[in-house]
C-alpha cells in the first residue's frame, strides 16, 4: 500500500465523538513513550502529523487521521504510566475499553512494544485482555535502532516466550524503527491486505 494523503480528522474524548460513517479503522496503542507518534509519522510520510513528546502520556484523546480518503488511522491514548492524575488515567482507560468493545469500524489493534526493555506485565495484561475480548491485534516492536541487533533480538524473543505462557500461538509481529523506516512496508501491506479482503 502507498500512502498518498494523510490528514488529521478529529480528536474524540469518547466514543460518541468518533467519526460517523463506515470507514475502516486501524488503531495504534502502547505504553507511554513507546514511540507511537514517531511510528505513525513514519508510516504516513509526515514529520508532524502525530505529535511527539519526551513527556510520557501526551496523547489524551482518540485521534483520527484520514488516510488516502478511504480509511482511518487511529492514535489511541497510551496505557500505563503517565504524568497525569490517577483519576484522569482511569477515565481514559474507561474510554479506551468503550472504544475497543463498541467501535464496529475497528479492524485491528497495533500493540507497540519497546524492544529495549524486558517484558512488562502491563503489556502482557493488555494483550491478554484483547484476546479475551476477541479483538484482532498484531504486535509492533519499536525502536530497533536504539539497540544492537543481537540485543533487540534477545529482548523480542524473551517477550514472545513470555506471551506463549498464556497463548497457544503468537500473533503477527512486526519489527520497526521510525528513524530507519524499518517495518514500514510490511505494516502498510498488512493494512492493505485487510482492506482488500472481502468481508
N, C-alpha and C. Protein backbone atom coordinates (compact mmCIF):
# COMPACT_ATOMS: atom_id res chain seq x y z
N UNK A 1 0.83 -1.20 0.00
CA UNK A 1 0.00 0.00 0.00
C UNK A 1 0.87 1.26 0.00
N UNK A 2 0.42 2.26 -0.73
CA UNK A 2 1.12 3.54 -0.77
C UNK A 2 0.25 4.62 -0.12
N UNK A 3 0.84 5.39 0.79
CA UNK A 3 0.10 6.48 1.42
C UNK A 3 0.23 7.72 0.54
N UNK A 4 -0.88 8.15 -0.04
CA UNK A 4 -0.88 9.31 -0.92
C UNK A 4 -1.36 10.57 -0.22
N UNK A 5 -2.17 10.39 0.82
CA UNK A 5 -2.64 11.55 1.58
C UNK A 5 -2.93 11.15 3.01
N UNK A 6 -2.67 12.06 3.92
CA UNK A 6 -2.91 11.82 5.35
C UNK A 6 -3.25 13.15 5.99
N UNK A 7 -4.39 13.20 6.64
CA UNK A 7 -4.81 14.45 7.27
C UNK A 7 -5.50 14.19 8.60
N UNK A 8 -5.28 15.09 9.54
CA UNK A 8 -5.95 14.98 10.82
C UNK A 8 -7.45 15.19 10.64
N UNK A 9 -8.25 14.27 11.19
CA UNK A 9 -9.70 14.35 11.05
C UNK A 9 -10.34 15.00 12.28
N UNK A 10 -10.13 14.37 13.43
CA UNK A 10 -10.67 14.93 14.67
C UNK A 10 -10.09 14.20 15.87
N UNK A 11 -10.26 14.82 17.05
CA UNK A 11 -9.88 14.22 18.32
C UNK A 11 -11.15 14.01 19.14
N UNK A 12 -11.38 12.79 19.56
CA UNK A 12 -12.59 12.47 20.31
C UNK A 12 -12.25 12.16 21.76
N UNK A 13 -13.07 12.68 22.67
CA UNK A 13 -12.86 12.41 24.09
C UNK A 13 -13.66 11.20 24.56
N UNK A 14 -14.54 10.70 23.70
CA UNK A 14 -15.31 9.50 24.00
C UNK A 14 -15.82 8.91 22.69
N UNK A 15 -16.45 7.76 22.76
CA UNK A 15 -16.87 7.08 21.54
C UNK A 15 -17.95 7.86 20.80
N UNK A 16 -18.74 8.64 21.53
CA UNK A 16 -19.78 9.43 20.88
C UNK A 16 -19.20 10.47 19.94
N UNK A 17 -17.97 10.89 20.21
CA UNK A 17 -17.33 11.90 19.38
C UNK A 17 -16.54 11.35 18.21
N UNK A 18 -16.52 10.03 18.06
CA UNK A 18 -15.79 9.41 16.95
C UNK A 18 -16.49 9.68 15.62
N UNK A 19 -15.75 9.62 14.51
CA UNK A 19 -16.33 9.93 13.21
C UNK A 19 -17.52 9.03 12.88
N UNK A 20 -18.51 9.61 12.24
CA UNK A 20 -19.66 8.83 11.77
C UNK A 20 -19.32 8.26 10.40
N UNK A 21 -20.01 7.23 10.01
CA UNK A 21 -19.74 6.60 8.74
C UNK A 21 -19.20 5.20 8.94
N UNK A 22 -18.72 4.61 7.87
CA UNK A 22 -18.27 3.22 7.96
C UNK A 22 -16.86 3.00 7.44
N UNK A 23 -16.00 4.01 7.53
CA UNK A 23 -14.61 3.84 7.11
C UNK A 23 -13.89 2.89 8.07
N UNK A 24 -13.10 1.99 7.51
CA UNK A 24 -12.36 1.04 8.34
C UNK A 24 -11.31 1.76 9.17
N UNK A 25 -11.06 1.23 10.38
CA UNK A 25 -10.11 1.86 11.30
C UNK A 25 -9.02 0.88 11.72
N UNK A 26 -7.79 1.39 11.81
CA UNK A 26 -6.64 0.64 12.30
C UNK A 26 -6.02 1.46 13.41
N UNK A 27 -6.04 0.93 14.62
CA UNK A 27 -5.65 1.71 15.79
C UNK A 27 -4.28 1.31 16.32
N UNK A 28 -3.54 2.30 16.82
CA UNK A 28 -2.20 2.09 17.36
C UNK A 28 -2.20 2.47 18.84
N UNK A 29 -1.60 1.60 19.65
CA UNK A 29 -1.59 1.83 21.09
C UNK A 29 -0.32 1.23 21.70
N UNK A 30 0.07 1.72 22.85
CA UNK A 30 1.22 1.17 23.56
C UNK A 30 1.40 1.91 24.87
N UNK A 31 2.30 1.43 25.68
CA UNK A 31 2.60 2.13 26.92
C UNK A 31 3.16 3.51 26.59
N UNK A 32 3.04 4.41 27.54
CA UNK A 32 3.52 5.77 27.34
C UNK A 32 4.98 5.78 26.89
N UNK A 33 5.28 6.64 25.91
CA UNK A 33 6.65 6.85 25.43
C UNK A 33 7.23 5.65 24.68
N UNK A 34 6.37 4.85 24.04
CA UNK A 34 6.84 3.69 23.31
C UNK A 34 7.28 4.04 21.89
N UNK A 35 7.01 5.30 21.48
CA UNK A 35 7.38 5.72 20.14
C UNK A 35 6.23 5.67 19.15
N UNK A 36 5.02 5.76 19.67
CA UNK A 36 3.82 5.62 18.84
C UNK A 36 3.69 6.75 17.83
N UNK A 37 3.82 7.98 18.26
CA UNK A 37 3.67 9.11 17.35
C UNK A 37 4.73 9.09 16.26
N UNK A 38 5.96 8.74 16.63
CA UNK A 38 7.04 8.67 15.65
C UNK A 38 6.77 7.59 14.61
N UNK A 39 6.24 6.46 15.05
CA UNK A 39 5.92 5.38 14.12
C UNK A 39 4.81 5.79 13.16
N UNK A 40 3.77 6.44 13.68
CA UNK A 40 2.67 6.89 12.83
C UNK A 40 3.17 7.88 11.80
N UNK A 41 3.98 8.84 12.22
CA UNK A 41 4.54 9.82 11.28
C UNK A 41 5.37 9.15 10.20
N UNK A 42 6.12 8.14 10.57
CA UNK A 42 6.92 7.39 9.59
C UNK A 42 6.02 6.69 8.59
N UNK A 43 4.95 6.08 9.05
CA UNK A 43 4.06 5.33 8.16
C UNK A 43 3.39 6.23 7.13
N UNK A 44 3.04 7.46 7.54
CA UNK A 44 2.28 8.34 6.64
C UNK A 44 3.17 9.37 5.93
N UNK A 45 4.48 9.22 6.06
CA UNK A 45 5.43 10.12 5.38
C UNK A 45 5.31 11.58 5.83
N UNK A 46 5.03 11.78 7.10
CA UNK A 46 4.92 13.14 7.64
C UNK A 46 5.78 13.24 8.90
N UNK A 47 6.32 14.42 9.14
CA UNK A 47 7.15 14.60 10.33
C UNK A 47 6.36 15.00 11.56
N UNK A 48 5.19 15.60 11.34
CA UNK A 48 4.47 16.16 12.48
C UNK A 48 2.97 15.92 12.45
N UNK A 49 2.51 14.90 11.74
CA UNK A 49 1.07 14.63 11.73
C UNK A 49 0.61 14.22 13.12
N UNK A 50 1.30 13.25 13.70
CA UNK A 50 1.05 12.87 15.09
C UNK A 50 2.09 13.58 15.95
N UNK A 51 1.64 14.20 17.01
CA UNK A 51 2.56 14.95 17.86
C UNK A 51 3.44 14.03 18.68
N UNK A 52 4.73 14.36 18.75
CA UNK A 52 5.66 13.58 19.56
C UNK A 52 6.07 14.40 20.77
N UNK A 53 6.47 13.67 21.83
CA UNK A 53 6.87 14.37 23.05
C UNK A 53 7.77 13.50 23.89
N UNK A 54 8.70 14.13 24.60
CA UNK A 54 9.53 13.39 25.55
C UNK A 54 8.77 13.17 26.85
N UNK A 55 7.62 13.81 26.99
CA UNK A 55 6.81 13.66 28.20
C UNK A 55 5.84 12.51 28.02
N UNK A 56 5.94 11.44 28.84
CA UNK A 56 5.04 10.31 28.70
C UNK A 56 3.58 10.74 28.87
N UNK A 57 2.71 10.13 28.08
CA UNK A 57 1.28 10.37 28.26
C UNK A 57 0.76 11.59 27.56
N UNK A 58 1.38 12.03 26.48
CA UNK A 58 0.93 13.26 25.81
C UNK A 58 -0.42 13.08 25.14
N UNK A 59 -0.65 11.90 24.52
CA UNK A 59 -1.91 11.66 23.83
C UNK A 59 -3.00 11.35 24.84
N UNK A 60 -4.01 12.22 24.93
CA UNK A 60 -5.09 12.02 25.90
C UNK A 60 -6.44 12.07 25.21
N UNK A 61 -6.47 11.82 23.92
CA UNK A 61 -7.72 11.74 23.19
C UNK A 61 -7.57 10.69 22.12
N UNK A 62 -8.70 10.28 21.54
CA UNK A 62 -8.67 9.34 20.43
C UNK A 62 -8.52 10.16 19.16
N UNK A 63 -7.35 10.12 18.55
CA UNK A 63 -7.06 10.97 17.39
C UNK A 63 -7.23 10.19 16.10
N UNK A 64 -8.04 10.75 15.19
CA UNK A 64 -8.33 10.09 13.92
C UNK A 64 -7.63 10.81 12.78
N UNK A 65 -6.96 10.03 11.92
CA UNK A 65 -6.31 10.56 10.73
C UNK A 65 -6.91 9.88 9.50
N UNK A 66 -7.35 10.67 8.55
CA UNK A 66 -7.94 10.14 7.33
C UNK A 66 -6.81 9.85 6.33
N UNK A 67 -6.71 8.59 5.93
CA UNK A 67 -5.63 8.14 5.06
C UNK A 67 -6.18 7.80 3.67
N UNK A 68 -5.58 8.42 2.65
CA UNK A 68 -5.99 8.17 1.26
C UNK A 68 -7.48 8.38 1.02
N UNK A 69 -8.10 9.18 1.88
CA UNK A 69 -9.53 9.48 1.77
C UNK A 69 -10.41 8.24 1.93
N UNK A 70 -9.79 7.12 2.42
CA UNK A 70 -10.51 5.86 2.41
C UNK A 70 -10.61 5.15 3.76
N UNK A 71 -9.63 5.39 4.66
CA UNK A 71 -9.67 4.70 5.94
C UNK A 71 -9.04 5.56 7.03
N UNK A 72 -9.28 5.18 8.27
CA UNK A 72 -8.78 5.95 9.40
C UNK A 72 -7.66 5.22 10.12
N UNK A 73 -6.58 5.95 10.37
CA UNK A 73 -5.55 5.52 11.28
C UNK A 73 -5.88 6.19 12.61
N UNK A 74 -5.91 5.40 13.68
CA UNK A 74 -6.36 5.91 14.98
C UNK A 74 -5.22 5.85 15.99
N UNK A 75 -4.92 6.99 16.59
CA UNK A 75 -3.89 7.11 17.62
C UNK A 75 -4.60 7.10 18.97
N UNK A 76 -4.46 5.97 19.69
CA UNK A 76 -5.15 5.82 20.97
C UNK A 76 -4.27 6.28 22.13
N UNK A 77 -4.90 6.75 23.21
CA UNK A 77 -4.13 7.16 24.40
C UNK A 77 -3.26 6.01 24.90
N UNK A 78 -2.04 6.33 25.32
CA UNK A 78 -1.16 5.30 25.85
C UNK A 78 -1.67 4.78 27.18
N UNK A 79 -1.30 3.54 27.50
CA UNK A 79 -1.69 2.99 28.80
C UNK A 79 -0.46 2.89 29.69
N UNK A 80 -0.69 2.68 30.96
CA UNK A 80 0.43 2.60 31.89
C UNK A 80 0.79 3.96 32.46
N UNK A 81 2.05 4.14 32.82
CA UNK A 81 2.50 5.36 33.48
C UNK A 81 2.34 6.59 32.59
N UNK A 82 1.85 7.65 33.19
CA UNK A 82 1.81 8.95 32.51
C UNK A 82 1.82 10.03 33.58
N UNK A 83 2.37 11.18 33.23
CA UNK A 83 2.43 12.27 34.20
C UNK A 83 1.09 12.99 34.28
N UNK A 84 0.08 12.23 34.67
CA UNK A 84 -1.25 12.78 34.83
C UNK A 84 -1.87 12.14 36.07
N UNK A 85 -2.95 12.71 36.55
CA UNK A 85 -3.56 12.22 37.78
C UNK A 85 -4.12 10.81 37.59
N UNK A 86 -4.20 10.08 38.68
CA UNK A 86 -4.75 8.73 38.63
C UNK A 86 -6.18 8.76 38.14
N UNK A 87 -6.93 9.78 38.55
CA UNK A 87 -8.33 9.89 38.12
C UNK A 87 -8.43 10.03 36.61
N UNK A 88 -7.57 10.87 36.02
CA UNK A 88 -7.59 11.05 34.57
C UNK A 88 -7.19 9.78 33.86
N UNK A 89 -6.20 9.08 34.39
CA UNK A 89 -5.78 7.83 33.76
C UNK A 89 -6.91 6.81 33.76
N UNK A 90 -7.63 6.72 34.87
CA UNK A 90 -8.76 5.78 34.95
C UNK A 90 -9.85 6.16 33.96
N UNK A 91 -10.12 7.45 33.85
CA UNK A 91 -11.14 7.92 32.91
C UNK A 91 -10.77 7.54 31.49
N UNK A 92 -9.49 7.71 31.13
CA UNK A 92 -9.08 7.40 29.76
C UNK A 92 -9.08 5.91 29.50
N UNK A 93 -8.78 5.12 30.53
CA UNK A 93 -8.84 3.67 30.34
C UNK A 93 -10.29 3.22 30.14
N UNK A 94 -11.23 3.89 30.80
CA UNK A 94 -12.64 3.58 30.60
C UNK A 94 -13.07 3.91 29.17
N UNK A 95 -12.59 5.06 28.65
CA UNK A 95 -12.89 5.45 27.27
C UNK A 95 -12.29 4.44 26.31
N UNK A 96 -11.07 4.00 26.58
CA UNK A 96 -10.40 3.03 25.73
C UNK A 96 -11.19 1.73 25.66
N UNK A 97 -11.61 1.22 26.80
CA UNK A 97 -12.38 -0.03 26.83
C UNK A 97 -13.68 0.12 26.05
N UNK A 98 -14.33 1.27 26.20
CA UNK A 98 -15.57 1.52 25.46
C UNK A 98 -15.30 1.49 23.96
N UNK A 99 -14.22 2.12 23.53
CA UNK A 99 -13.87 2.13 22.11
C UNK A 99 -13.61 0.72 21.61
N UNK A 100 -12.83 -0.04 22.35
CA UNK A 100 -12.49 -1.40 21.93
C UNK A 100 -13.71 -2.29 21.82
N UNK A 101 -14.63 -2.15 22.75
CA UNK A 101 -15.81 -3.00 22.78
C UNK A 101 -16.85 -2.64 21.73
N UNK A 102 -17.00 -1.35 21.45
CA UNK A 102 -18.16 -0.90 20.70
C UNK A 102 -17.90 -0.30 19.32
N UNK A 103 -16.64 -0.07 18.98
CA UNK A 103 -16.35 0.57 17.70
C UNK A 103 -16.31 -0.48 16.59
N UNK A 104 -17.41 -0.64 15.87
CA UNK A 104 -17.52 -1.70 14.87
C UNK A 104 -16.61 -1.47 13.67
N UNK A 105 -16.17 -0.23 13.44
CA UNK A 105 -15.27 0.05 12.32
C UNK A 105 -13.84 -0.45 12.56
N UNK A 106 -13.52 -0.74 13.80
CA UNK A 106 -12.16 -1.16 14.16
C UNK A 106 -11.82 -2.52 13.54
N UNK A 107 -10.74 -2.56 12.77
CA UNK A 107 -10.31 -3.80 12.12
C UNK A 107 -9.17 -4.50 12.84
N UNK A 108 -8.27 -3.73 13.44
CA UNK A 108 -7.10 -4.32 14.07
C UNK A 108 -6.44 -3.31 15.00
N UNK A 109 -5.90 -3.82 16.09
CA UNK A 109 -5.12 -3.01 17.02
C UNK A 109 -3.64 -3.34 16.82
N UNK A 110 -2.83 -2.31 16.63
CA UNK A 110 -1.38 -2.48 16.56
C UNK A 110 -0.83 -2.16 17.95
N UNK A 111 -0.39 -3.18 18.67
CA UNK A 111 0.12 -3.00 20.03
C UNK A 111 1.63 -2.82 19.96
N UNK A 112 2.09 -1.63 20.35
CA UNK A 112 3.52 -1.30 20.25
C UNK A 112 4.27 -1.72 21.51
N UNK A 113 5.41 -2.36 21.30
CA UNK A 113 6.25 -2.85 22.39
C UNK A 113 7.67 -2.32 22.19
N UNK A 114 8.22 -1.70 23.21
CA UNK A 114 9.58 -1.17 23.16
C UNK A 114 10.57 -2.34 23.25
N UNK A 115 11.36 -2.54 22.19
CA UNK A 115 12.26 -3.69 22.15
C UNK A 115 13.45 -3.54 23.10
N UNK A 116 13.61 -2.37 23.70
CA UNK A 116 14.78 -2.13 24.54
C UNK A 116 14.63 -2.68 25.95
N UNK A 117 13.42 -3.03 26.34
CA UNK A 117 13.19 -3.38 27.74
C UNK A 117 12.66 -4.80 27.90
N UNK A 118 12.73 -5.29 29.13
CA UNK A 118 12.23 -6.61 29.46
C UNK A 118 10.70 -6.64 29.30
N UNK A 119 10.11 -7.83 29.14
CA UNK A 119 8.65 -7.92 29.06
C UNK A 119 8.00 -7.27 30.27
N UNK A 120 6.99 -6.44 30.00
CA UNK A 120 6.30 -5.71 31.05
C UNK A 120 4.93 -6.32 31.31
N UNK A 121 4.59 -6.45 32.59
CA UNK A 121 3.31 -7.04 32.97
C UNK A 121 2.15 -6.29 32.36
N UNK A 122 2.26 -4.96 32.28
CA UNK A 122 1.16 -4.14 31.74
C UNK A 122 0.91 -4.47 30.28
N UNK A 123 1.97 -4.69 29.51
CA UNK A 123 1.80 -5.06 28.11
C UNK A 123 1.13 -6.43 27.98
N UNK A 124 1.62 -7.39 28.73
CA UNK A 124 1.07 -8.74 28.66
C UNK A 124 -0.40 -8.75 29.06
N UNK A 125 -0.72 -8.00 30.12
CA UNK A 125 -2.11 -7.95 30.59
C UNK A 125 -3.02 -7.33 29.54
N UNK A 126 -2.55 -6.28 28.88
CA UNK A 126 -3.36 -5.63 27.85
C UNK A 126 -3.59 -6.58 26.68
N UNK A 127 -2.54 -7.27 26.25
CA UNK A 127 -2.66 -8.22 25.15
C UNK A 127 -3.64 -9.34 25.52
N UNK A 128 -3.54 -9.84 26.74
CA UNK A 128 -4.46 -10.89 27.18
C UNK A 128 -5.90 -10.39 27.20
N UNK A 129 -6.08 -9.13 27.57
CA UNK A 129 -7.43 -8.55 27.57
C UNK A 129 -7.99 -8.50 26.15
N UNK A 130 -7.16 -8.11 25.18
CA UNK A 130 -7.61 -8.09 23.79
C UNK A 130 -8.05 -9.48 23.35
N UNK A 131 -7.29 -10.49 23.77
CA UNK A 131 -7.65 -11.86 23.43
C UNK A 131 -8.98 -12.26 24.03
N UNK A 132 -9.18 -11.90 25.28
CA UNK A 132 -10.44 -12.23 25.96
C UNK A 132 -11.63 -11.53 25.31
N UNK A 133 -11.39 -10.33 24.77
CA UNK A 133 -12.45 -9.56 24.12
C UNK A 133 -12.64 -9.96 22.66
N UNK A 134 -11.74 -10.79 22.15
CA UNK A 134 -11.85 -11.23 20.77
C UNK A 134 -11.53 -10.15 19.75
N UNK A 135 -10.62 -9.24 20.11
CA UNK A 135 -10.26 -8.13 19.22
C UNK A 135 -8.99 -8.47 18.44
N UNK A 136 -9.03 -8.40 17.11
CA UNK A 136 -7.84 -8.70 16.32
C UNK A 136 -6.71 -7.73 16.64
N UNK A 137 -5.50 -8.26 16.78
CA UNK A 137 -4.35 -7.39 17.06
C UNK A 137 -3.09 -7.99 16.49
N UNK A 138 -2.07 -7.14 16.34
CA UNK A 138 -0.73 -7.57 15.97
C UNK A 138 0.24 -6.87 16.92
N UNK A 139 1.46 -7.36 16.99
CA UNK A 139 2.49 -6.74 17.82
C UNK A 139 3.48 -5.98 16.94
N UNK A 140 3.87 -4.80 17.41
CA UNK A 140 4.85 -3.99 16.70
C UNK A 140 5.98 -3.64 17.67
N UNK A 141 7.13 -4.25 17.47
CA UNK A 141 8.29 -3.95 18.31
C UNK A 141 8.98 -2.70 17.76
N UNK A 142 9.14 -1.71 18.61
CA UNK A 142 9.64 -0.40 18.19
C UNK A 142 11.09 -0.17 18.62
N UNK A 143 11.69 0.87 18.02
CA UNK A 143 12.99 1.40 18.41
C UNK A 143 14.15 0.43 18.20
N UNK A 144 14.09 -0.33 17.09
CA UNK A 144 15.18 -1.25 16.80
C UNK A 144 16.52 -0.55 16.64
N UNK A 145 16.49 0.71 16.22
CA UNK A 145 17.74 1.44 16.00
C UNK A 145 18.44 1.82 17.30
N UNK A 146 17.77 1.64 18.43
CA UNK A 146 18.34 2.05 19.71
C UNK A 146 19.23 0.98 20.35
N UNK A 147 19.22 -0.22 19.77
CA UNK A 147 20.00 -1.32 20.33
C UNK A 147 20.77 -2.04 19.23
N UNK A 148 21.81 -2.77 19.62
CA UNK A 148 22.47 -3.67 18.69
C UNK A 148 21.49 -4.78 18.34
N UNK A 149 21.60 -5.30 17.14
CA UNK A 149 20.64 -6.28 16.65
C UNK A 149 20.53 -7.49 17.57
N UNK A 150 21.66 -7.96 18.08
CA UNK A 150 21.64 -9.14 18.93
C UNK A 150 20.87 -8.88 20.22
N UNK A 151 20.95 -7.64 20.73
CA UNK A 151 20.25 -7.29 21.97
C UNK A 151 18.75 -7.16 21.74
N UNK A 152 18.38 -6.49 20.65
CA UNK A 152 16.95 -6.35 20.37
C UNK A 152 16.32 -7.71 20.09
N UNK A 153 17.04 -8.57 19.36
CA UNK A 153 16.53 -9.90 19.05
C UNK A 153 16.30 -10.71 20.33
N UNK A 154 17.23 -10.56 21.27
CA UNK A 154 17.11 -11.28 22.55
C UNK A 154 15.88 -10.81 23.32
N UNK A 155 15.65 -9.49 23.38
CA UNK A 155 14.50 -8.96 24.10
C UNK A 155 13.19 -9.35 23.43
N UNK A 156 13.16 -9.31 22.10
CA UNK A 156 11.94 -9.67 21.38
C UNK A 156 11.62 -11.15 21.60
N UNK A 157 12.63 -11.98 21.55
CA UNK A 157 12.41 -13.42 21.76
C UNK A 157 11.91 -13.68 23.18
N UNK A 158 12.45 -12.96 24.14
CA UNK A 158 12.00 -13.14 25.52
C UNK A 158 10.55 -12.72 25.68
N UNK A 159 10.15 -11.63 24.99
CA UNK A 159 8.75 -11.19 25.06
C UNK A 159 7.84 -12.27 24.46
N UNK A 160 8.24 -12.81 23.33
CA UNK A 160 7.43 -13.85 22.69
C UNK A 160 7.30 -15.08 23.60
N UNK A 161 8.39 -15.45 24.23
CA UNK A 161 8.36 -16.60 25.14
C UNK A 161 7.42 -16.34 26.31
N UNK A 162 7.45 -15.12 26.82
CA UNK A 162 6.55 -14.76 27.93
C UNK A 162 5.10 -14.82 27.48
N UNK A 163 4.84 -14.33 26.28
CA UNK A 163 3.48 -14.33 25.76
C UNK A 163 2.97 -15.76 25.57
N UNK A 164 3.84 -16.65 25.16
CA UNK A 164 3.43 -18.03 24.92
C UNK A 164 3.11 -18.80 26.20
N UNK A 165 3.36 -18.20 27.34
CA UNK A 165 2.93 -18.81 28.60
C UNK A 165 1.41 -18.76 28.71
N UNK A 166 0.79 -17.81 28.02
CA UNK A 166 -0.66 -17.66 28.07
C UNK A 166 -1.34 -17.98 26.74
N UNK A 167 -0.57 -17.97 25.66
CA UNK A 167 -1.14 -18.14 24.32
C UNK A 167 -0.62 -19.42 23.67
N UNK A 168 -1.48 -20.05 22.86
CA UNK A 168 -1.08 -21.26 22.15
C UNK A 168 -0.23 -20.93 20.93
N UNK A 169 -0.42 -19.74 20.38
CA UNK A 169 0.35 -19.31 19.20
C UNK A 169 0.54 -17.81 19.25
N UNK A 170 1.56 -17.33 18.58
CA UNK A 170 1.86 -15.90 18.55
C UNK A 170 1.04 -15.19 17.48
N UNK A 171 0.71 -13.93 17.72
CA UNK A 171 0.06 -13.14 16.68
C UNK A 171 1.09 -12.71 15.64
N UNK A 172 0.65 -12.06 14.60
CA UNK A 172 1.57 -11.47 13.63
C UNK A 172 2.44 -10.43 14.34
N UNK A 173 3.73 -10.42 14.05
CA UNK A 173 4.65 -9.48 14.70
C UNK A 173 5.44 -8.69 13.65
N UNK A 174 5.66 -7.42 13.94
CA UNK A 174 6.47 -6.55 13.08
C UNK A 174 7.59 -5.96 13.91
N UNK A 175 8.76 -5.80 13.31
CA UNK A 175 9.88 -5.15 13.97
C UNK A 175 10.15 -3.84 13.24
N UNK A 176 10.24 -2.73 14.00
CA UNK A 176 10.27 -1.42 13.36
C UNK A 176 11.31 -0.47 13.95
N UNK A 177 11.65 0.51 13.14
CA UNK A 177 12.42 1.67 13.56
C UNK A 177 11.88 2.86 12.80
N UNK A 178 11.34 3.84 13.52
CA UNK A 178 10.84 5.04 12.86
C UNK A 178 11.97 5.83 12.22
N UNK A 179 13.15 5.78 12.82
CA UNK A 179 14.31 6.51 12.32
C UNK A 179 14.79 5.94 10.99
N UNK A 180 14.86 4.62 10.91
CA UNK A 180 15.39 3.96 9.72
C UNK A 180 14.29 3.43 8.79
N UNK A 181 13.05 3.68 9.14
CA UNK A 181 11.89 3.25 8.36
C UNK A 181 11.83 1.73 8.19
N UNK A 182 12.32 1.02 9.19
CA UNK A 182 12.24 -0.44 9.18
C UNK A 182 10.79 -0.85 9.52
N UNK A 183 10.26 -1.78 8.75
CA UNK A 183 8.92 -2.30 9.01
C UNK A 183 7.80 -1.52 8.36
N UNK A 184 8.10 -0.41 7.76
CA UNK A 184 7.08 0.45 7.15
C UNK A 184 6.30 -0.28 6.07
N UNK A 185 7.01 -0.84 5.12
CA UNK A 185 6.36 -1.54 4.00
C UNK A 185 5.52 -2.70 4.49
N UNK A 186 6.04 -3.45 5.46
CA UNK A 186 5.34 -4.62 5.95
C UNK A 186 4.02 -4.25 6.63
N UNK A 187 4.04 -3.20 7.44
CA UNK A 187 2.82 -2.79 8.13
C UNK A 187 1.78 -2.26 7.14
N UNK A 188 2.21 -1.44 6.21
CA UNK A 188 1.27 -0.88 5.23
C UNK A 188 0.70 -1.97 4.33
N UNK A 189 1.50 -2.94 3.96
CA UNK A 189 1.00 -4.05 3.16
C UNK A 189 -0.02 -4.88 3.93
N UNK A 190 0.23 -5.05 5.23
CA UNK A 190 -0.71 -5.78 6.09
C UNK A 190 -2.06 -5.06 6.11
N UNK A 191 -2.02 -3.73 6.31
CA UNK A 191 -3.26 -2.96 6.33
C UNK A 191 -3.97 -3.06 4.98
N UNK A 192 -3.20 -2.95 3.91
CA UNK A 192 -3.78 -3.06 2.58
C UNK A 192 -4.46 -4.40 2.35
N UNK A 193 -3.85 -5.46 2.84
CA UNK A 193 -4.44 -6.80 2.69
C UNK A 193 -5.77 -6.89 3.44
N UNK A 194 -5.82 -6.33 4.65
CA UNK A 194 -7.06 -6.35 5.43
C UNK A 194 -8.16 -5.57 4.70
N UNK A 195 -7.81 -4.39 4.19
CA UNK A 195 -8.78 -3.56 3.49
C UNK A 195 -9.33 -4.26 2.25
N UNK A 196 -8.46 -4.98 1.56
CA UNK A 196 -8.85 -5.59 0.29
C UNK A 196 -9.42 -7.00 0.43
N UNK A 197 -9.45 -7.51 1.65
CA UNK A 197 -10.02 -8.85 1.87
C UNK A 197 -11.55 -8.74 1.92
N UNK A 198 -12.26 -9.47 1.06
CA UNK A 198 -13.73 -9.41 1.07
C UNK A 198 -14.28 -9.77 2.44
N UNK A 199 -15.25 -8.97 2.90
CA UNK A 199 -15.87 -9.22 4.20
C UNK A 199 -17.06 -10.17 4.05
